[in-house]
Amino acid sequence: MDKFEVVKLLSDWNRFNIFMKLLEYDELCVCEIEDLLGIKQANTSKHLKKFKDLEIISSRRIKNMIKYSIKEDFLNENMNLIKYLVI
């Protein structure tokens, strides 16, 4: 994964906040992200797709809900970046 693409992705304020909430809560659905950040459903889904395209997040279906989380591989490979973002 290209580190530049990750930084570029996180340079958007909404995507950065989504990423930080996924770090904080481990797993969230679109409606939970909407409530936490005040972002409309369509925008939230659009941002999540960009994360999925870069293989940063994964999703799993629970009945009629899809939960999103940051991939363990991404966390392990980018620990220095994540530590920097969290501080």
PDB file of N, CA and C in Angstrom:
ATOM      1  N   MET A   1       0.842  -1.185   0.000  1.00  0.00           N
ATOM      2  CA  MET A   1       0.000   0.000   0.000  1.00  0.00           C
ATOM      3  C   MET A   1       0.883   1.242   0.000  1.00  0.00           C
ATOM      4  N   ASP A   2       0.534   2.164  -0.825  1.00  0.00           N
ATOM      5  CA  ASP A   2       1.283   3.401  -0.960  1.00  0.00           C
ATOM      6  C   ASP A   2       0.971   4.331   0.220  1.00  0.00           C
ATOM      7  N   LYS A   3       1.997   4.676   0.990  1.00  0.00           N
ATOM      8  CA  LYS A   3       1.825   5.547   2.159  1.00  0.00           C
ATOM      9  C   LYS A   3       1.284   6.921   1.762  1.00  0.00           C
ATOM     10  N   PHE A   4       1.687   7.392   0.589  1.00  0.00           N
ATOM     11  CA  PHE A   4       1.203   8.682   0.108  1.00  0.00           C
ATOM     12  C   PHE A   4      -0.316   8.647  -0.054  1.00  0.00           C
ATOM     13  N   GLU A   5      -0.844   7.550  -0.596  1.00  0.00           N
ATOM     14  CA  GLU A   5      -2.292   7.424  -0.787  1.00  0.00           C
ATOM     15  C   GLU A   5      -3.028   7.430   0.555  1.00  0.00           C
ATOM     16  N   VAL A   6      -2.426   6.829   1.566  1.00  0.00           N
ATOM     17  CA  VAL A   6      -3.037   6.813   2.898  1.00  0.00           C
ATOM     18  C   VAL A   6      -3.089   8.221   3.464  1.00  0.00           C
ATOM     19  N   VAL A   7      -1.979   8.933   3.383  1.00  0.00           N
ATOM     20  CA  VAL A   7      -1.932  10.307   3.889  1.00  0.00           C
ATOM     21  C   VAL A   7      -2.913  11.188   3.119  1.00  0.00           C
ATOM     22  N   LYS A   8      -2.958  11.016   1.814  1.00  0.00           N
ATOM     23  CA  LYS A   8      -3.894  11.775   0.983  1.00  0.00           C
ATOM     24  C   LYS A   8      -5.341  11.490   1.395  1.00  0.00           C
ATOM     25  N   LEU A   9      -5.648  10.224   1.637  1.00  0.00           N
ATOM     26  CA  LEU A   9      -6.996   9.837   2.056  1.00  0.00           C
ATOM     27  C   LEU A   9      -7.363  10.489   3.390  1.00  0.00           C
ATOM     28  N   LEU A  10      -6.424  10.465   4.328  1.00  0.00           N
ATOM     29  CA  LEU A  10      -6.697  11.005   5.664  1.00  0.00           C
ATOM     30  C   LEU A  10      -6.612  12.529   5.724  1.00  0.00           C
ATOM     31  N   SER A  11      -6.198  13.161   4.634  1.00  0.00           N
ATOM     32  CA  SER A  11      -6.127  14.621   4.640  1.00  0.00           C
ATOM     33  C   SER A  11      -7.514  15.266   4.606  1.00  0.00           C
ATOM     34  N   ASP A  12      -8.527  14.494   4.242  1.00  0.00           N
ATOM     35  CA  ASP A  12      -9.903  14.992   4.289  1.00  0.00           C
ATOM     36  C   ASP A  12     -10.394  14.928   5.734  1.00  0.00           C
ATOM     37  N   TRP A  13     -10.936  16.023   6.234  1.00  0.00           N
ATOM     38  CA  TRP A  13     -11.342  16.119   7.636  1.00  0.00           C
ATOM     39  C   TRP A  13     -12.360  15.041   8.024  1.00  0.00           C
ATOM     40  N   ASN A  14     -13.369  14.811   7.188  1.00  0.00           N
ATOM     41  CA  ASN A  14     -14.377  13.804   7.512  1.00  0.00           C
ATOM     42  C   ASN A  14     -13.784  12.398   7.532  1.00  0.00           C
ATOM     43  N   ARG A  15     -12.937  12.077   6.560  1.00  0.00           N
ATOM     44  CA  ARG A  15     -12.314  10.748   6.538  1.00  0.00           C
ATOM     45  C   ARG A  15     -11.383  10.569   7.729  1.00  0.00           C
ATOM     46  N   PHE A  16     -10.659  11.623   8.086  1.00  0.00           N
ATOM     47  CA  PHE A  16      -9.799  11.552   9.267  1.00  0.00           C
ATOM     48  C   PHE A  16     -10.631  11.248  10.510  1.00  0.00           C
ATOM     49  N   ASN A  17     -11.747  11.942  10.664  1.00  0.00           N
ATOM     50  CA  ASN A  17     -12.607  11.718  11.833  1.00  0.00           C
ATOM     51  C   ASN A  17     -13.226  10.323  11.825  1.00  0.00           C
ATOM     52  N   ILE A  18     -13.613   9.834  10.654  1.00  0.00           N
ATOM     53  CA  ILE A  18     -14.141   8.474  10.560  1.00  0.00           C
ATOM     54  C   ILE A  18     -13.073   7.484  10.986  1.00  0.00           C
ATOM     55  N   PHE A  19     -11.863   7.664  10.486  1.00  0.00           N
ATOM     56  CA  PHE A  19     -10.749   6.781  10.842  1.00  0.00           C
ATOM     57  C   PHE A  19     -10.511   6.788  12.355  1.00  0.00           C
ATOM     58  N   MET A  20     -10.494   7.966  12.949  1.00  0.00           N
ATOM     59  CA  MET A  20     -10.251   8.074  14.387  1.00  0.00           C
ATOM     60  C   MET A  20     -11.368   7.409  15.194  1.00  0.00           C
ATOM     61  N   LYS A  21     -12.613   7.534  14.749  1.00  0.00           N
ATOM     62  CA  LYS A  21     -13.729   6.878  15.455  1.00  0.00           C
ATOM     63  C   LYS A  21     -13.637   5.363  15.314  1.00  0.00           C
ATOM     64  N   LEU A  22     -13.211   4.881  14.144  1.00  0.00           N
ATOM     65  CA  LEU A  22     -13.032   3.437  13.984  1.00  0.00           C
ATOM     66  C   LEU A  22     -11.901   2.928  14.874  1.00  0.00           C
ATOM     67  N   LEU A  23     -10.866   3.718  15.063  1.00  0.00           N
ATOM     68  CA  LEU A  23      -9.807   3.343  16.007  1.00  0.00           C
ATOM     69  C   LEU A  23     -10.358   3.288  17.432  1.00  0.00           C
ATOM     70  N   GLU A  24     -11.155   4.269  17.771  1.00  0.00           N
ATOM     71  CA  GLU A  24     -11.687   4.380  19.131  1.00  0.00           C
ATOM     72  C   GLU A  24     -12.701   3.283  19.453  1.00  0.00           C
ATOM     73  N   TYR A  25     -13.611   2.996  18.526  1.00  0.00           N
ATOM     74  CA  TYR A  25     -14.708   2.069  18.793  1.00  0.00           C
ATOM     75  C   TYR A  25     -14.493   0.674  18.221  1.00  0.00           C
ATOM     76  N   ASP A  26     -13.438   0.464  17.449  1.00  0.00           N
ATOM     77  CA  ASP A  26     -13.124  -0.821  16.811  1.00  0.00           C
ATOM     78  C   ASP A  26     -14.058  -1.177  15.664  1.00  0.00           C
ATOM     79  N   GLU A  27     -15.362  -1.005  15.833  1.00  0.00           N
ATOM     80  CA  GLU A  27     -16.317  -1.403  14.800  1.00  0.00           C
ATOM     81  C   GLU A  27     -17.558  -0.517  14.877  1.00  0.00           C
ATOM     82  N   LEU A  28     -17.955   0.033  13.726  1.00  0.00           N
ATOM     83  CA  LEU A  28     -19.125   0.912  13.676  1.00  0.00           C
ATOM     84  C   LEU A  28     -19.900   0.673  12.387  1.00  0.00           C
ATOM     85  N   CYS A  29     -21.202   0.926  12.443  1.00  0.00           N
ATOM     86  CA  CYS A  29     -22.010   0.909  11.224  1.00  0.00           C
ATOM     87  C   CYS A  29     -22.164   2.357  10.734  1.00  0.00           C
ATOM     88  N   VAL A  30     -22.684   2.515   9.544  1.00  0.00           N
ATOM     89  CA  VAL A  30     -22.843   3.846   8.955  1.00  0.00           C
ATOM     90  C   VAL A  30     -23.690   4.744   9.856  1.00  0.00           C
ATOM     91  N   CYS A  31     -24.775   4.203  10.393  1.00  0.00           N
ATOM     92  CA  CYS A  31     -25.663   5.024  11.228  1.00  0.00           C
ATOM     93  C   CYS A  31     -24.962   5.500  12.501  1.00  0.00           C
ATOM     94  N   GLU A  32     -24.071   4.688  13.057  1.00  0.00           N
ATOM     95  CA  GLU A  32     -23.331   5.099  14.255  1.00  0.00           C
ATOM     96  C   GLU A  32     -22.326   6.208  13.910  1.00  0.00           C
ATOM     97  N   ILE A  33     -21.674   6.083  12.768  1.00  0.00           N
ATOM     98  CA  ILE A  33     -20.740   7.122  12.333  1.00  0.00           C
ATOM     99  C   ILE A  33     -21.492   8.426  12.087  1.00  0.00           C
ATOM    100  N   GLU A  34     -22.659   8.320  11.458  1.00  0.00           N
ATOM    101  CA  GLU A  34     -23.508   9.501  11.240  1.00  0.00           C
ATOM    102  C   GLU A  34     -23.787  10.218  12.552  1.00  0.00           C
ATOM    103  N   ASP A  35     -24.227   9.453  13.549  1.00  0.00           N
ATOM    104  CA  ASP A  35     -24.577  10.033  14.845  1.00  0.00           C
ATOM    105  C   ASP A  35     -23.364  10.651  15.551  1.00  0.00           C
ATOM    106  N   LEU A  36     -22.236   9.954  15.494  1.00  0.00           N
ATOM    107  CA  LEU A  36     -21.045  10.439  16.187  1.00  0.00           C
ATOM    108  C   LEU A  36     -20.472  11.702  15.556  1.00  0.00           C
ATOM    109  N   LEU A  37     -20.518  11.790  14.236  1.00  0.00           N
ATOM    110  CA  LEU A  37     -19.840  12.881  13.541  1.00  0.00           C
ATOM    111  C   LEU A  37     -20.772  13.890  12.878  1.00  0.00           C
ATOM    112  N   GLY A  38     -22.064  13.591  12.816  1.00  0.00           N
ATOM    113  CA  GLY A  38     -22.996  14.508  12.184  1.00  0.00           C
ATOM    114  C   GLY A  38     -22.816  14.596  10.677  1.00  0.00           C
ATOM    115  N   ILE A  39     -22.407  13.489  10.062  1.00  0.00           N
ATOM    116  CA  ILE A  39     -22.219  13.438   8.615  1.00  0.00           C
ATOM    117  C   ILE A  39     -23.407  12.697   8.011  1.00  0.00           C
ATOM    118  N   LYS A  40     -23.905  13.160   6.900  1.00  0.00           N
ATOM    119  CA  LYS A  40     -25.041  12.507   6.238  1.00  0.00           C
ATOM    120  C   LYS A  40     -24.665  11.102   5.775  1.00  0.00           C
ATOM    121  N   GLN A  41     -25.668  10.240   5.683  1.00  0.00           N
ATOM    122  CA  GLN A  41     -25.461   8.832   5.324  1.00  0.00           C
ATOM    123  C   GLN A  41     -24.750   8.682   3.986  1.00  0.00           C
ATOM    124  N   ALA A  42     -25.157   9.445   2.989  1.00  0.00           N
ATOM    125  CA  ALA A  42     -24.554   9.334   1.656  1.00  0.00           C
ATOM    126  C   ALA A  42     -23.074   9.699   1.693  1.00  0.00           C
ATOM    127  N   ASN A  43     -22.731  10.754   2.413  1.00  0.00           N
ATOM    128  CA  ASN A  43     -21.324  11.156   2.526  1.00  0.00           C
ATOM    129  C   ASN A  43     -20.509  10.130   3.307  1.00  0.00           C
ATOM    130  N   THR A  44     -21.095   9.610   4.366  1.00  0.00           N
ATOM    131  CA  THR A  44     -20.408   8.594   5.164  1.00  0.00           C
ATOM    132  C   THR A  44     -20.097   7.372   4.308  1.00  0.00           C
ATOM    133  N   SER A  45     -21.068   6.911   3.556  1.00  0.00           N
ATOM    134  CA  SER A  45     -20.873   5.751   2.683  1.00  0.00           C
ATOM    135  C   SER A  45     -19.817   6.023   1.621  1.00  0.00           C
ATOM    136  N   LYS A  46     -19.824   7.225   1.066  1.00  0.00           N
ATOM    137  CA  LYS A  46     -18.837   7.604   0.053  1.00  0.00           C
ATOM    138  C   LYS A  46     -17.422   7.552   0.631  1.00  0.00           C
ATOM    139  N   HIS A  47     -17.254   8.068   1.836  1.00  0.00           N
ATOM    140  CA  HIS A  47     -15.945   8.054   2.481  1.00  0.00           C
ATOM    141  C   HIS A  47     -15.521   6.620   2.824  1.00  0.00           C
ATOM    142  N   LEU A  48     -16.436   5.816   3.312  1.00  0.00           N
ATOM    143  CA  LEU A  48     -16.109   4.422   3.644  1.00  0.00           C
ATOM    144  C   LEU A  48     -15.679   3.646   2.402  1.00  0.00           C
ATOM    145  N   LYS A  49     -16.285   3.939   1.271  1.00  0.00           N
ATOM    146  CA  LYS A  49     -15.897   3.271   0.026  1.00  0.00           C
ATOM    147  C   LYS A  49     -14.446   3.578  -0.329  1.00  0.00           C
ATOM    148  N   LYS A  50     -14.026   4.803  -0.107  1.00  0.00           N
ATOM    149  CA  LYS A  50     -12.634   5.166  -0.386  1.00  0.00           C
ATOM    150  C   LYS A  50     -11.677   4.376   0.510  1.00  0.00           C
ATOM    151  N   PHE A  51     -12.051   4.186   1.766  1.00  0.00           N
ATOM    152  CA  PHE A  51     -11.246   3.354   2.664  1.00  0.00           C
ATOM    153  C   PHE A  51     -11.200   1.913   2.166  1.00  0.00           C
ATOM    154  N   LYS A  52     -12.344   1.405   1.748  1.00  0.00           N
ATOM    155  CA  LYS A  52     -12.405   0.025   1.248  1.00  0.00           C
ATOM    156  C   LYS A  52     -11.584  -0.143  -0.019  1.00  0.00           C
ATOM    157  N   ASP A  53     -11.623   0.852  -0.902  1.00  0.00           N
ATOM    158  CA  ASP A  53     -10.860   0.791  -2.151  1.00  0.00           C
ATOM    159  C   ASP A  53      -9.357   0.667  -1.888  1.00  0.00           C
ATOM    160  N   LEU A  54      -8.880   1.298  -0.820  1.00  0.00           N
ATOM    161  CA  LEU A  54      -7.465   1.203  -0.460  1.00  0.00           C
ATOM    162  C   LEU A  54      -7.185   0.037   0.486  1.00  0.00           C
ATOM    163  N   GLU A  55      -8.207  -0.755   0.756  1.00  0.00           N
ATOM    164  CA  GLU A  55      -8.102  -1.938   1.626  1.00  0.00           C
ATOM    165  C   GLU A  55      -7.630  -1.586   3.039  1.00  0.00           C
ATOM    166  N   ILE A  56      -8.156  -0.486   3.555  1.00  0.00           N
ATOM    167  CA  ILE A  56      -7.843  -0.047   4.911  1.00  0.00           C
ATOM    168  C   ILE A  56      -8.862  -0.589   5.896  1.00  0.00           C
ATOM    169  N   ILE A  57     -10.114  -0.685   5.459  1.00  0.00           N
ATOM    170  CA  ILE A  57     -11.161  -1.193   6.340  1.00  0.00           C
ATOM    171  C   ILE A  57     -11.771  -2.464   5.761  1.00  0.00           C
ATOM    172  N   SER A  58     -12.408  -3.189   6.650  1.00  0.00           N
ATOM    173  CA  SER A  58     -13.166  -4.369   6.233  1.00  0.00           C
ATOM    174  C   SER A  58     -14.595  -4.206   6.741  1.00  0.00           C
ATOM    175  N   SER A  59     -15.476  -5.034   6.236  1.00  0.00           N
ATOM    176  CA  SER A  59     -16.876  -4.948   6.657  1.00  0.00           C
ATOM    177  C   SER A  59     -17.418  -6.355   6.887  1.00  0.00           C
ATOM    178  N   ARG A  60     -18.412  -6.413   7.741  1.00  0.00           N
ATOM    179  CA  ARG A  60     -19.112  -7.680   7.962  1.00  0.00           C
ATOM    180  C   ARG A  60     -20.587  -7.390   8.182  1.00  0.00           C
ATOM    181  N   ARG A  61     -21.402  -8.268   7.652  1.00  0.00           N
ATOM    182  CA  ARG A  61     -22.853  -8.098   7.729  1.00  0.00           C
ATOM    183  C   ARG A  61     -23.386  -8.784   8.984  1.00  0.00           C
ATOM    184  N   ILE A  62     -24.231  -8.056   9.707  1.00  0.00           N
ATOM    185  CA  ILE A  62     -24.970  -8.597  10.844  1.00  0.00           C
ATOM    186  C   ILE A  62     -26.431  -8.310  10.561  1.00  0.00           C
ATOM    187  N   LYS A  63     -27.157  -9.346  10.123  1.00  0.00           N
ATOM    188  CA  LYS A  63     -28.549  -9.217   9.675  1.00  0.00           C
ATOM    189  C   LYS A  63     -28.639  -8.157   8.573  1.00  0.00           C
ATOM    190  N   ASN A  64     -29.286  -7.022   8.831  1.00  0.00           N
ATOM    191  CA  ASN A  64     -29.417  -5.999   7.787  1.00  0.00           C
ATOM    192  C   ASN A  64     -28.468  -4.821   7.995  1.00  0.00           C
ATOM    193  N   MET A  65     -27.449  -5.010   8.832  1.00  0.00           N
ATOM    194  CA  MET A  65     -26.508  -3.938   9.148  1.00  0.00           C
ATOM    195  C   MET A  65     -25.096  -4.362   8.724  1.00  0.00           C
ATOM    196  N   ILE A  66     -24.315  -3.406   8.262  1.00  0.00           N
ATOM    197  CA  ILE A  66     -22.920  -3.679   7.919  1.00  0.00           C
ATOM    198  C   ILE A  66     -22.037  -2.908   8.895  1.00  0.00           C
ATOM    199  N   LYS A  67     -21.155  -3.639   9.549  1.00  0.00           N
ATOM    200  CA  LYS A  67     -20.215  -3.045  10.501  1.00  0.00           C
ATOM    201  C   LYS A  67     -18.854  -2.911   9.838  1.00  0.00           C
ATOM    202  N   TYR A  68     -18.200  -1.776  10.062  1.00  0.00           N
ATOM    203  CA  TYR A  68     -16.900  -1.491   9.468  1.00  0.00           C
ATOM    204  C   TYR A  68     -15.838  -1.434  10.555  1.00  0.00           C
ATOM    205  N   SER A  69     -14.653  -1.915  10.218  1.00  0.00           N
ATOM    206  CA  SER A  69     -13.526  -1.857  11.138  1.00  0.00           C
ATOM    207  C   SER A  69     -12.240  -1.710  10.343  1.00  0.00           C
ATOM    208  N   ILE A  70     -11.201  -1.222  11.018  1.00  0.00           N
ATOM    209  CA  ILE A  70      -9.894  -1.087  10.364  1.00  0.00           C
ATOM    210  C   ILE A  70      -9.238  -2.464  10.343  1.00  0.00           C
ATOM    211  N   LYS A  71      -8.673  -2.812   9.212  1.00  0.00           N
ATOM    212  CA  LYS A  71      -8.034  -4.116   9.054  1.00  0.00           C
ATOM    213  C   LYS A  71      -6.804  -4.224   9.948  1.00  0.00           C
ATOM    214  N   GLU A  72      -6.640  -5.390  10.552  1.00  0.00           N
ATOM    215  CA  GLU A  72      -5.486  -5.648  11.417  1.00  0.00           C
ATOM    216  C   GLU A  72      -4.179  -5.480  10.646  1.00  0.00           C
ATOM    217  N   ASP A  73      -4.137  -5.954   9.406  1.00  0.00           N
ATOM    218  CA  ASP A  73      -2.930  -5.820   8.587  1.00  0.00           C
ATOM    219  C   ASP A  73      -2.537  -4.356   8.431  1.00  0.00           C
ATOM    220  N   PHE A  74      -3.533  -3.522   8.176  1.00  0.00           N
ATOM    221  CA  PHE A  74      -3.248  -2.096   8.019  1.00  0.00           C
ATOM    222  C   PHE A  74      -2.709  -1.520   9.323  1.00  0.00           C
ATOM    223  N   LEU A  75      -3.327  -1.871  10.440  1.00  0.00           N
ATOM    224  CA  LEU A  75      -2.877  -1.371  11.736  1.00  0.00           C
ATOM    225  C   LEU A  75      -1.436  -1.777  12.012  1.00  0.00           C
ATOM    226  N   ASN A  76      -1.106  -3.027  11.749  1.00  0.00           N
ATOM    227  CA  ASN A  76       0.239  -3.519  12.006  1.00  0.00           C
ATOM    228  C   ASN A  76       1.279  -2.867  11.098  1.00  0.00           C
ATOM    229  N   GLU A  77       0.958  -2.689   9.844  1.00  0.00           N
ATOM    230  CA  GLU A  77       1.896  -2.119   8.882  1.00  0.00           C
ATOM    231  C   GLU A  77       2.078  -0.614   9.045  1.00  0.00           C
ATOM    232  N   ASN A  78       1.131   0.047   9.684  1.00  0.00           N
ATOM    233  CA  ASN A  78       1.152   1.509   9.779  1.00  0.00           C
ATOM    234  C   ASN A  78       1.122   2.014  11.211  1.00  0.00           C
ATOM    235  N   MET A  79       1.701   1.252  12.111  1.00  0.00           N
ATOM    236  CA  MET A  79       1.655   1.602  13.535  1.00  0.00           C
ATOM    237  C   MET A  79       2.286   2.970  13.818  1.00  0.00           C
ATOM    238  N   ASN A  80       3.383   3.300  13.151  1.00  0.00           N
ATOM    239  CA  ASN A  80       4.021   4.607  13.392  1.00  0.00           C
ATOM    240  C   ASN A  80       3.108   5.753  12.983  1.00  0.00           C
ATOM    241  N   LEU A  81       2.460   5.626  11.852  1.00  0.00           N
ATOM    242  CA  LEU A  81       1.522   6.653  11.404  1.00  0.00           C
ATOM    243  C   LEU A  81       0.369   6.787  12.398  1.00  0.00           C
ATOM    244  N   ILE A  82      -0.163   5.675  12.836  1.00  0.00           N
ATOM    245  CA  ILE A  82      -1.292   5.692  13.759  1.00  0.00           C
ATOM    246  C   ILE A  82      -0.897   6.318  15.083  1.00  0.00           C
ATOM    247  N   LYS A  83       0.283   5.979  15.589  1.00  0.00           N
ATOM    248  CA  LYS A  83       0.753   6.588  16.835  1.00  0.00           C
ATOM    249  C   LYS A  83       0.860   8.094  16.689  1.00  0.00           C
ATOM    250  N   TYR A  84       1.352   8.531  15.530  1.00  0.00           N
ATOM    251  CA  TYR A  84       1.475   9.964  15.269  1.00  0.00           C
ATOM    252  C   TYR A  84       0.104  10.643  15.247  1.00  0.00           C
ATOM    253  N   LEU A  85      -0.885   9.997  14.625  1.00  0.00           N
ATOM    254  CA  LEU A  85      -2.215  10.576  14.510  1.00  0.00           C
ATOM    255  C   LEU A  85      -2.924  10.656  15.855  1.00  0.00           C
ATOM    256  N   VAL A  86      -2.696   9.684  16.694  1.00  0.00           N
ATOM    257  CA  VAL A  86      -3.415   9.593  17.966  1.00  0.00           C
ATOM    258  C   VAL A  86      -2.871  10.602  18.985  1.00  0.00           C
ATOM    259  N   ILE A  87      -1.615  10.935  18.879  1.00  0.00           N
ATOM    260  CA  ILE A  87      -0.994  11.854  19.864  1.00  0.00           C
ATOM    261  C   ILE A  87      -1.518  13.250  19.719  1.00  0.00           C
TER     262      ILE A  87
END
